[in-house]
C-alpha atoms as a PDB file:
ATOM      1  CA  MET A   1     -32.695-104.572 -24.438  1.00  0.00           C
ATOM      2  CA  SER A   2     -31.197-102.764 -21.495  1.00  0.00           C
ATOM      3  CA  VAL A   3     -33.105-100.252 -19.404  1.00  0.00           C
ATOM      4  CA  VAL A   4     -31.055 -97.427 -20.908  1.00  0.00           C
ATOM      5  CA  ALA A   5     -31.875 -98.558 -24.446  1.00  0.00           C
ATOM      6  CA  ASN A   6     -35.602 -98.769 -23.648  1.00  0.00           C
ATOM      7  CA  ARG A   7     -35.577 -95.202 -22.336  1.00  0.00           C
ATOM      8  CA  ALA A   8     -33.750 -93.969 -25.437  1.00  0.00           C
ATOM      9  CA  VAL A   9     -36.342 -95.586 -27.724  1.00  0.00           C
ATOM     10  CA  ARG A  10     -39.215 -94.043 -25.728  1.00  0.00           C
ATOM     11  CA  LEU A  11     -37.655 -90.570 -25.931  1.00  0.00           C
ATOM     12  CA  LEU A  12     -37.158 -90.948 -29.669  1.00  0.00           C
ATOM     13  CA  LEU A  13     -40.807 -91.976 -30.149  1.00  0.00           C
ATOM     14  CA  CYS A  14     -41.985 -89.025 -28.053  1.00  0.00           C
ATOM     15  CA  PHE A  15     -39.884 -86.704 -30.201  1.00  0.00           C
ATOM     16  CA  LEU A  16     -41.215 -88.167 -33.459  1.00  0.00           C
ATOM     17  CA  LEU A  17     -44.857 -88.138 -32.314  1.00  0.00           C
ATOM     18  CA  GLY A  18     -44.743 -84.685 -30.663  1.00  0.00           C
ATOM     19  CA  VAL A  19     -42.131 -82.363 -32.112  1.00  0.00           C
ATOM     20  CA  VAL A  20     -42.150 -83.463 -35.764  1.00  0.00           C
ATOM     21  CA  PRO A  21     -45.936 -83.037 -36.231  1.00  0.00           C
ATOM     22  CA  PHE A  22     -45.571 -79.558 -34.710  1.00  0.00           C
ATOM     23  CA  PHE A  23     -43.015 -78.520 -37.330  1.00  0.00           C
ATOM     24  CA  ALA A  24     -45.034 -80.192 -40.058  1.00  0.00           C
ATOM     25  CA  SER A  25     -48.112 -78.201 -39.130  1.00  0.00           C
ATOM     26  CA  SER A  26     -45.981 -75.053 -39.033  1.00  0.00           C
ATOM     27  CA  GLN A  27     -44.788 -75.694 -42.564  1.00  0.00           C
ATOM     28  CA  GLU A  28     -48.375 -76.085 -43.780  1.00  0.00           C
ATOM     29  CA  ILE A  29     -49.147 -72.575 -42.498  1.00  0.00           C
ATOM     30  CA  ASP A  30     -46.005 -70.979 -43.906  1.00  0.00           C
ATOM     31  CA  ILE A  31     -46.340 -72.318 -47.444  1.00  0.00           C
ATOM     32  CA  THR A  32     -49.823 -70.895 -47.880  1.00  0.00           C
ATOM     33  CA  ASP A  33     -49.446 -68.147 -50.489  1.00  0.00           C
ATOM     34  CA  PRO A  34     -51.887 -65.220 -49.988  1.00  0.00           C
ATOM     35  CA  ASP A  35     -52.268 -64.985 -53.743  1.00  0.00           C
ATOM     36  CA  ASP A  36     -53.690 -68.533 -53.774  1.00  0.00           C
ATOM     37  CA  VAL A  37     -56.560 -67.465 -51.518  1.00  0.00           C
ATOM     38  CA  PRO A  38     -59.736 -66.527 -53.439  1.00  0.00           C
ATOM     39  CA  ILE A  39     -60.088 -62.786 -53.921  1.00  0.00           C
ATOM     40  CA  GLU A  40     -63.261 -62.638 -51.820  1.00  0.00           C
ATOM     41  CA  GLU A  41     -61.364 -64.024 -48.797  1.00  0.00           C
ATOM     42  CA  ARG A  42     -58.437 -61.594 -48.817  1.00  0.00           C
ATOM     43  CA  ILE A  43     -58.033 -59.080 -45.995  1.00  0.00           C
ATOM     44  CA  LEU A  44     -58.874 -55.618 -47.349  1.00  0.00           C
ATOM     45  CA  TYR A  45     -57.542 -52.183 -46.573  1.00  0.00           C
ATOM     46  CA  SER A  46     -60.294 -49.813 -45.535  1.00  0.00           C
ATOM     47  CA  ASN A  47     -58.988 -46.539 -47.020  1.00  0.00           C
ATOM     48  CA  GLN A  48     -57.006 -45.205 -49.932  1.00  0.00           C
ATOM     49  CA  SER A  49     -55.664 -41.799 -50.907  1.00  0.00           C
ATOM     50  CA  THR A  50     -54.032 -40.713 -54.158  1.00  0.00           C
ATOM     51  CA  PHE A  51     -52.428 -37.702 -55.780  1.00  0.00           C
ATOM     52  CA  ARG A  52     -52.778 -37.420 -59.535  1.00  0.00           C
ATOM     53  CA  LEU A  53     -51.934 -35.534 -62.698  1.00  0.00           C
ATOM     54  CA  VAL A  54     -54.947 -34.521 -64.794  1.00  0.00           C
ATOM     55  CA  ALA A  55     -55.214 -33.784 -68.505  1.00  0.00           C
ATOM     56  CA  THR A  56     -58.386 -33.011 -70.452  1.00  0.00           C
ATOM     57  CA  THR A  57     -58.950 -31.946 -74.035  1.00  0.00           C
ATOM     58  CA  GLN A  58     -59.363 -28.403 -72.665  1.00  0.00           C
ATOM     59  CA  GLY A  59     -56.953 -28.166 -69.756  1.00  0.00           C
ATOM     60  CA  PHE A  60     -54.340 -29.551 -67.370  1.00  0.00           C
ATOM     61  CA  GLY A  61     -54.109 -29.724 -63.607  1.00  0.00           C
ATOM     62  CA  LEU A  62     -53.664 -31.625 -60.374  1.00  0.00           C
ATOM     63  CA  GLY A  63     -56.004 -33.653 -58.195  1.00  0.00           C
ATOM     64  CA  PHE A  64     -56.385 -35.536 -54.934  1.00  0.00           C
ATOM     65  CA  ASN A  65     -58.915 -38.112 -53.830  1.00  0.00           C
ATOM     66  CA  PHE A  66     -59.801 -40.077 -50.744  1.00  0.00           C
ATOM     67  CA  GLY A  67     -61.452 -43.479 -51.010  1.00  0.00           C
ATOM     68  CA  LYS A  68     -63.423 -45.593 -48.577  1.00  0.00           C
ATOM     69  CA  ILE A  69     -63.144 -49.277 -49.525  1.00  0.00           C
ATOM     70  CA  LYS A  70     -66.557 -50.818 -48.814  1.00  0.00           C
ATOM     71  CA  ASN A  71     -65.670 -54.307 -50.060  1.00  0.00           C
ATOM     72  CA  ILE A  72     -63.561 -55.987 -52.722  1.00  0.00           C
ATOM     73  CA  TYR A  73     -65.918 -54.806 -55.452  1.00  0.00           C
ATOM     74  CA  SER A  74     -66.726 -51.220 -54.424  1.00  0.00           C
ATOM     75  CA  THR A  75     -64.771 -48.126 -53.369  1.00  0.00           C
ATOM     76  CA  ARG A  76     -66.500 -44.825 -52.593  1.00  0.00           C
ATOM     77  CA  ILE A  77     -64.509 -41.800 -53.778  1.00  0.00           C
ATOM     78  CA  TRP A  78     -64.324 -38.163 -52.640  1.00  0.00           C
ATOM     79  CA  ASP A  79     -62.453 -36.245 -55.300  1.00  0.00           C
ATOM     80  CA  PHE A  80     -60.917 -32.757 -55.621  1.00  0.00           C
ATOM     81  CA  GLU A  81     -59.070 -31.249 -58.558  1.00  0.00           C
ATOM     82  CA  ILE A  82     -57.906 -27.938 -60.002  1.00  0.00           C
ATOM     83  CA  THR A  83     -57.392 -27.450 -63.739  1.00  0.00           C
ATOM     84  CA  ASN A  84     -57.342 -24.637 -66.227  1.00  0.00           C
ATOM     85  CA  LEU A  85     -59.993 -24.428 -68.952  1.00  0.00           C
ATOM     86  CA  PHE A  86     -59.248 -23.092 -72.423  1.00  0.00           C
ATOM     87  CA  SER A  87     -61.109 -22.851 -75.706  1.00  0.00           C
ATOM     88  CA  LEU A  88     -60.380 -25.255 -78.540  1.00  0.00           C
ATOM     89  CA  LYS A  89     -60.695 -22.276 -80.894  1.00  0.00           C
ATOM     90  CA  LYS A  90     -57.700 -20.410 -79.522  1.00  0.00           C
ATOM     91  CA  VAL A  91     -54.763 -19.687 -81.826  1.00  0.00           C
ATOM     92  CA  ARG A  92     -51.544 -18.256 -80.409  1.00  0.00           C
ATOM     93  CA  LEU A  93     -50.110 -15.370 -82.439  1.00  0.00           C
ATOM     94  CA  VAL A  94     -46.958 -13.263 -82.298  1.00  0.00           C
ATOM     95  CA  ASN A  95     -46.537  -9.791 -83.797  1.00  0.00           C
ATOM     96  CA  PRO A  96     -43.513 -10.226 -86.114  1.00  0.00           C
ATOM     97  CA  TYR A  97     -42.777  -6.483 -86.063  1.00  0.00           C
ATOM     98  CA  VAL A  98     -42.306  -6.327 -82.286  1.00  0.00           C
ATOM     99  CA  TYR A  99     -38.910  -7.498 -81.028  1.00  0.00           C
ATOM    100  CA  GLY A 100     -39.337  -9.743 -78.005  1.00  0.00           C
ATOM    101  CA  GLY A 101     -43.124  -9.434 -78.100  1.00  0.00           C
ATOM    102  CA  LYS A 102     -45.115 -11.945 -76.067  1.00  0.00           C
ATOM    103  CA  GLY A 103     -47.492 -14.317 -77.817  1.00  0.00           C
ATOM    104  CA  PHE A 104     -51.201 -13.628 -77.493  1.00  0.00           C
ATOM    105  CA  VAL A 105     -54.549 -15.211 -78.385  1.00  0.00           C
ATOM    106  CA  TYR A 106     -56.685 -12.907 -80.489  1.00  0.00           C
ATOM    107  CA  GLY A 107     -60.290 -12.845 -79.287  1.00  0.00           C
ATOM    108  CA  LYS A 108     -59.562 -14.310 -75.860  1.00  0.00           C
ATOM    109  CA  LEU A 109     -61.722 -12.828 -73.112  1.00  0.00           C
ATOM    110  CA  ASN A 110     -60.749 -14.650 -69.928  1.00  0.00           C
ATOM    111  CA  ASN A 111     -58.264 -16.989 -68.325  1.00  0.00           C
ATOM    112  CA  CYS A 112     -60.195 -19.702 -66.495  1.00  0.00           C
ATOM    113  CA  LEU A 113     -59.324 -21.869 -63.501  1.00  0.00           C
ATOM    114  CA  VAL A 114     -61.787 -24.617 -62.481  1.00  0.00           C
ATOM    115  CA  ILE A 115     -62.106 -26.170 -59.028  1.00  0.00           C
ATOM    116  CA  ARG A 116     -64.045 -29.445 -58.939  1.00  0.00           C
ATOM    117  CA  ALA A 117     -65.313 -31.432 -55.944  1.00  0.00           C
ATOM    118  CA  ASP A 118     -67.275 -34.632 -56.444  1.00  0.00           C
ATOM    119  CA  TYR A 119     -68.374 -37.948 -55.005  1.00  0.00           C
ATOM    120  CA  GLY A 120     -68.631 -41.265 -56.778  1.00  0.00           C
ATOM    121  CA  GLU A 121     -67.769 -44.935 -56.918  1.00  0.00           C
ATOM    122  CA  GLN A 122     -65.264 -47.334 -58.424  1.00  0.00           C
ATOM    123  CA  ARG A 123     -66.682 -50.798 -59.170  1.00  0.00           C
ATOM    124  CA  LEU A 124     -64.540 -53.816 -59.946  1.00  0.00           C
ATOM    125  CA  ILE A 125     -64.832 -55.332 -63.422  1.00  0.00           C
ATOM    126  CA  SER A 126     -61.838 -57.680 -63.354  1.00  0.00           C
ATOM    127  CA  GLY A 127     -59.237 -58.292 -60.656  1.00  0.00           C
ATOM    128  CA  LYS A 128     -55.526 -58.951 -60.978  1.00  0.00           C
ATOM    129  CA  PRO A 129     -54.321 -62.526 -61.606  1.00  0.00           C
ATOM    130  CA  TYR A 130     -52.299 -63.992 -58.736  1.00  0.00           C
ATOM    131  CA  TRP A 131     -49.041 -63.267 -60.599  1.00  0.00           C
ATOM    132  CA  GLY A 132     -49.895 -59.571 -60.971  1.00  0.00           C
ATOM    133  CA  GLY A 133     -51.259 -57.574 -63.873  1.00  0.00           C
ATOM    134  CA  VAL A 134     -53.963 -54.967 -64.261  1.00  0.00           C
ATOM    135  CA  GLU A 135     -57.142 -54.495 -62.237  1.00  0.00           C
ATOM    136  CA  THR A 136     -59.975 -52.819 -64.139  1.00  0.00           C
ATOM    137  CA  ARG A 137     -62.755 -50.769 -62.576  1.00  0.00           C
ATOM    138  CA  ILE A 138     -65.603 -48.667 -63.919  1.00  0.00           C
ATOM    139  CA  VAL A 139     -65.789 -45.166 -62.421  1.00  0.00           C
ATOM    140  CA  TYR A 140     -68.691 -42.734 -62.169  1.00  0.00           C
ATOM    141  CA  GLN A 141     -68.627 -39.464 -60.219  1.00  0.00           C
ATOM    142  CA  GLY A 142     -70.575 -36.229 -60.015  1.00  0.00           C
ATOM    143  CA  GLY A 143     -70.321 -32.974 -58.136  1.00  0.00           C
ATOM    144  CA  LEU A 144     -69.813 -29.220 -58.073  1.00  0.00           C
ATOM    145  CA  SER A 145     -67.635 -27.004 -60.255  1.00  0.00           C
ATOM    146  CA  LEU A 146     -66.491 -23.442 -59.712  1.00  0.00           C
ATOM    147  CA  ALA A 147     -64.992 -21.516 -62.628  1.00  0.00           C
ATOM    148  CA  ILE A 148     -62.802 -18.548 -61.654  1.00  0.00           C
ATOM    149  CA  LEU A 149     -62.469 -16.074 -64.540  1.00  0.00           C
ATOM    150  CA  LYS A 150     -59.692 -13.493 -64.842  1.00  0.00           C
ATOM    151  CA  PRO A 151     -59.962 -10.948 -67.687  1.00  0.00           C
ATOM    152  CA  TYR A 152     -57.344 -11.398 -70.409  1.00  0.00           C
ATOM    153  CA  TYR A 153     -55.425  -8.206 -71.180  1.00  0.00           C
ATOM    154  CA  TYR A 154     -53.493  -7.246 -74.300  1.00  0.00           C
ATOM    155  CA  TYR A 155     -50.520  -4.904 -74.506  1.00  0.00           C
ATOM    156  CA  VAL A 156     -51.551  -2.511 -77.267  1.00  0.00           C
ATOM    157  CA  LEU A 157     -50.878   0.798 -78.970  1.00  0.00           C
ATOM    158  CA  ALA A 158     -54.214   2.585 -78.733  1.00  0.00           C
ATOM    159  CA  ILE A 159     -55.834   5.896 -79.565  1.00  0.00           C
ATOM    160  CA  LYS A 160     -56.970   7.826 -76.496  1.00  0.00           C
ATOM    161  CA  THR A 161     -58.726  11.140 -75.968  1.00  0.00           C
ATOM    162  CA  ASP A 162     -57.735  13.708 -73.370  1.00  0.00           C
ATOM    163  CA  GLU A 163     -60.025  16.053 -71.443  1.00  0.00           C
ATOM    164  CA  SER A 164     -59.920  18.662 -74.194  1.00  0.00           C
ATOM    165  CA  GLY A 165     -61.073  16.147 -76.801  1.00  0.00           C
ATOM    166  CA  GLN A 166     -57.689  15.809 -78.478  1.00  0.00           C
ATOM    167  CA  SER A 167     -56.696  12.325 -79.663  1.00  0.00           C
ATOM    168  CA  TYR A 168     -53.264  10.870 -79.015  1.00  0.00           C
ATOM    169  CA  GLU A 169     -51.485   7.527 -79.193  1.00  0.00           C
ATOM    170  CA  ASP A 170     -50.424   5.664 -76.065  1.00  0.00           C
ATOM    171  CA  TYR A 171     -49.343   2.212 -74.913  1.00  0.00           C
ATOM    172  CA  ASP A 172     -51.792   0.508 -72.587  1.00  0.00           C
ATOM    173  CA  TYR A 173     -53.116  -2.791 -71.195  1.00  0.00           C
ATOM    174  CA  GLN A 174     -56.647  -3.343 -72.489  1.00  0.00           C
ATOM    175  CA  THR A 175     -59.243  -6.096 -72.842  1.00  0.00           C
ATOM    176  CA  PHE A 176     -60.688  -7.293 -76.130  1.00  0.00           C
ATOM    177  CA  ASP A 177     -63.851  -5.252 -75.564  1.00  0.00           C
ATOM    178  CA  GLN A 178     -61.754  -2.102 -76.113  1.00  0.00           C
ATOM    179  CA  ARG A 179     -60.405  -3.208 -79.502  1.00  0.00           C
ATOM    180  CA  ASP A 180     -62.024  -0.265 -81.355  1.00  0.00           C
ATOM    181  CA  GLN A 181     -59.270   1.938 -79.900  1.00  0.00           C
ATOM    182  CA  TRP A 182     -56.398  -0.287 -81.008  1.00  0.00           C
ATOM    183  CA  ILE A 183     -53.785   0.619 -83.569  1.00  0.00           C
ATOM    184  CA  ASP A 184     -51.636  -2.442 -83.023  1.00  0.00           C
ATOM    185  CA  ILE A 185     -51.285  -5.425 -80.655  1.00  0.00           C
ATOM    186  CA  LEU A 186     -47.782  -5.707 -79.227  1.00  0.00           C
ATOM    187  CA  GLY A 187     -48.431  -8.849 -77.178  1.00  0.00           C
ATOM    188  CA  ARG A 188     -50.213 -10.058 -74.080  1.00  0.00           C
ATOM    189  CA  ALA A 189     -50.131  -8.149 -70.818  1.00  0.00           C
ATOM    190  CA  PRO A 190     -48.371  -9.478 -67.670  1.00  0.00           C
ATOM    191  CA  PHE A 191     -50.208 -12.337 -65.959  1.00  0.00           C
ATOM    192  CA  PHE A 192     -51.129 -10.358 -62.841  1.00  0.00           C
ATOM    193  CA  GLU A 193     -52.941  -7.716 -64.880  1.00  0.00           C
ATOM    194  CA  GLY A 194     -56.674  -8.257 -64.393  1.00  0.00           C
ATOM    195  CA  PHE A 195     -56.884  -9.761 -60.908  1.00  0.00           C
ATOM    196  CA  ARG A 196     -59.130  -6.907 -59.805  1.00  0.00           C
ATOM    197  CA  GLY A 197     -61.736  -8.110 -62.282  1.00  0.00           C
ATOM    198  CA  LEU A 198     -62.033 -11.694 -61.040  1.00  0.00           C
ATOM    199  CA  LYS A 199     -65.463 -13.329 -61.461  1.00  0.00           C
ATOM    200  CA  VAL A 200     -66.860 -16.735 -60.585  1.00  0.00           C
ATOM    201  CA  SER A 201     -69.371 -19.012 -62.295  1.00  0.00           C
ATOM    202  CA  PRO A 202     -70.760 -22.041 -60.394  1.00  0.00           C
ATOM    203  CA  GLY A 203     -71.646 -25.247 -62.181  1.00  0.00           C
ATOM    204  CA  LEU A 204     -72.148 -29.014 -62.069  1.00  0.00           C
ATOM    205  CA  HIS A 205     -70.249 -31.889 -63.627  1.00  0.00           C
ATOM    206  CA  PHE A 206     -70.445 -35.630 -64.185  1.00  0.00           C
ATOM    207  CA  LYS A 207     -67.731 -37.986 -65.368  1.00  0.00           C
ATOM    208  CA  ALA A 208     -67.550 -41.667 -66.197  1.00  0.00           C
ATOM    209  CA  GLY A 209     -64.663 -43.826 -67.301  1.00  0.00           C
ATOM    210  CA  PHE A 210     -62.391 -46.781 -66.640  1.00  0.00           C
ATOM    211  CA  ASN A 211     -59.635 -47.099 -64.048  1.00  0.00           C
ATOM    212  CA  PHE A 212     -56.654 -49.387 -64.699  1.00  0.00           C
ATOM    213  CA  GLU A 213     -54.630 -50.144 -61.546  1.00  0.00           C
ATOM    214  CA  PHE A 214     -51.281 -51.929 -61.960  1.00  0.00           C
ATOM    215  CA  ALA A 215     -49.327 -51.635 -58.667  1.00  0.00           C
ATOM    216  CA  LYS A 216     -47.573 -54.847 -57.605  1.00  0.00           C
ATOM    217  CA  SER A 217     -48.408 -54.310 -53.928  1.00  0.00           C
ATOM    218  CA  GLU A 218     -51.938 -54.164 -52.545  1.00  0.00           C
ATOM    219  CA  ALA A 219     -50.770 -51.319 -50.287  1.00  0.00           C
ATOM    220  CA  ARG A 220     -49.819 -49.108 -53.258  1.00  0.00           C
ATOM    221  CA  VAL A 221     -51.843 -47.427 -55.965  1.00  0.00           C
ATOM    222  CA  PHE A 222     -50.536 -46.745 -59.472  1.00  0.00           C
ATOM    223  CA  ALA A 223     -53.361 -46.199 -61.907  1.00  0.00           C
ATOM    224  CA  LEU A 224     -54.383 -44.731 -65.239  1.00  0.00           C
ATOM    225  CA  GLU A 225     -57.944 -43.517 -65.644  1.00  0.00           C
ATOM    226  CA  THR A 226     -59.658 -42.340 -68.790  1.00  0.00           C
ATOM    227  CA  GLY A 227     -63.190 -41.321 -69.684  1.00  0.00           C
ATOM    228  CA  LEU A 228     -65.583 -38.472 -70.465  1.00  0.00           C
ATOM    229  CA  LEU A 229     -66.309 -35.344 -68.439  1.00  0.00           C
ATOM    230  CA  LEU A 230     -69.501 -33.317 -68.915  1.00  0.00           C
ATOM    231  CA  GLU A 231     -69.584 -29.895 -67.255  1.00  0.00           C
ATOM    232  CA  ALA A 232     -72.368 -27.312 -67.251  1.00  0.00           C
ATOM    233  CA  TYR A 233     -72.459 -23.675 -66.089  1.00  0.00           C
ATOM    234  CA  PRO A 234     -75.895 -21.979 -65.993  1.00  0.00           C
ATOM    235  CA  LEU A 235     -74.304 -18.513 -66.042  1.00  0.00           C
ATOM    236  CA  GLY A 236     -71.893 -19.456 -68.798  1.00  0.00           C
ATOM    237  CA  VAL A 237     -68.107 -19.279 -69.092  1.00  0.00           C
ATOM    238  CA  ALA A 238     -66.887 -16.723 -71.661  1.00  0.00           C
ATOM    239  CA  LEU A 239     -63.503 -17.862 -72.953  1.00  0.00           C
ATOM    240  CA  MET A 240     -63.452 -16.377 -76.467  1.00  0.00           C
ATOM    241  CA  ALA A 241     -65.261 -13.472 -78.116  1.00  0.00           C
ATOM    242  CA  ASP A 242     -68.151 -14.333 -80.419  1.00  0.00           C
ATOM    243  CA  LEU A 243     -67.424 -12.297 -83.540  1.00  0.00           C
ATOM    244  CA  GLY A 244     -70.112 -13.869 -85.709  1.00  0.00           C
ATOM    245  CA  GLU A 245     -73.865 -14.103 -85.538  1.00  0.00           C
ATOM    246  CA  LYS A 246     -75.251 -15.334 -82.230  1.00  0.00           C
ATOM    247  CA  THR A 247     -76.940 -18.735 -82.384  1.00  0.00           C
ATOM    248  CA  VAL A 248     -78.471 -21.160 -79.904  1.00  0.00           C
ATOM    249  CA  TRP A 249     -75.593 -23.593 -80.456  1.00  0.00           C
ATOM    250  CA  LYS A 250     -73.018 -20.917 -79.578  1.00  0.00           C
ATOM    251  CA  GLU A 251     -74.900 -20.126 -76.385  1.00  0.00           C
ATOM    252  CA  ILE A 252     -74.910 -23.819 -75.450  1.00  0.00           C
ATOM    253  CA  GLN A 253     -71.150 -23.982 -76.041  1.00  0.00           C
ATOM    254  CA  LYS A 254     -70.642 -21.216 -73.481  1.00  0.00           C
ATOM    255  CA  ARG A 255     -72.553 -23.179 -70.846  1.00  0.00           C
ATOM    256  CA  ALA A 256     -71.726 -26.834 -71.516  1.00  0.00           C
ATOM    257  CA  PHE A 257     -68.378 -28.560 -72.057  1.00  0.00           C
ATOM    258  CA  LEU A 258     -67.840 -32.191 -73.058  1.00  0.00           C
ATOM    259  CA  MET A 259     -64.250 -33.291 -72.589  1.00  0.00           C
ATOM    260  CA  PHE A 260     -62.137 -36.417 -72.789  1.00  0.00           C
ATOM    261  CA  TYR A 261     -59.904 -36.844 -69.720  1.00  0.00           C
ATOM    262  CA  ILE A 262     -56.964 -38.980 -68.651  1.00  0.00           C
ATOM    263  CA  THR A 263     -55.258 -39.116 -65.241  1.00  0.00           C
ATOM    264  CA  PHE A 264     -52.249 -40.816 -63.681  1.00  0.00           C
ATOM    265  CA  SER A 265     -52.603 -41.527 -59.952  1.00  0.00           C
ATOM    266  CA  MET A 266     -50.082 -42.446 -57.248  1.00  0.00           C
ATOM    267  CA  GLY A 267     -50.989 -43.246 -53.679  1.00  0.00           C
ATOM    268  CA  LYS A 268     -51.525 -45.851 -50.985  1.00  0.00           C
ATOM    269  CA  ARG A 269     -54.081 -48.050 -49.242  1.00  0.00           C
ATOM    270  CA  TYR A 270     -54.145 -48.264 -45.474  1.00  0.00           C
ATOM    271  CA  ASN A 271     -56.207 -49.010 -42.374  1.00  0.00           C
ATOM    272  CA  LYS A 272     -57.135 -46.660 -39.558  1.00  0.00           C
ATOM    273  CA  TYR A 273     -56.890 -48.113 -36.080  1.00  0.00           C
END
């Protein structure tokens, strides 16, 4: 072979032994699918935050939580939510003899707004398959509750007495405690009636349930959560008037509430640098 041919063969061998293995090794790295890596070895986000819609058997509201991801199995949760709280005994009525009358709830004493703040944990039960699916976690949280009570006013035709002792009829906004003066209920009073009588009742709560997360991306959170919520108020929360005989069970019902809840959450996972 000529000198030129020998040099060409050497260059070709150098190319095959040097450059080709480099590209081959590069291909081995590129074809590694993150979903094929065991779940324990995946890189984790350290934080998550979500906004959610809340529904219970006795109210509706909104919530927000912040999570600190400790490891693949455990996420610590700080949770805040605001919901209303109503009685299961309420029945909405309308006076058929009043044109355009607003509906009212006979026996209702207060509108109630509840602010909850708690701390808890989500623990992994089953992770998502590599092709996607649903991740299931058990959730348990506990914390503080604050019930804000606004007196419920009715728009009524009532009997009043003037300074001379003479009785007369007049339209007025009154609470249920003044029902002995009523001639007729025309409807409920405007919402802003009663803000001067705001009261608060502090309490505690605990909830436990299951969280089902189904986002396709690890950086996103789309989840349904359902479970039980137990809430207790030592000072009580008066939602409806007790027209019957007082019993121990009725007193317990004013101070303790057991509710089923369901939430839908949307949010993200991220790292802080």
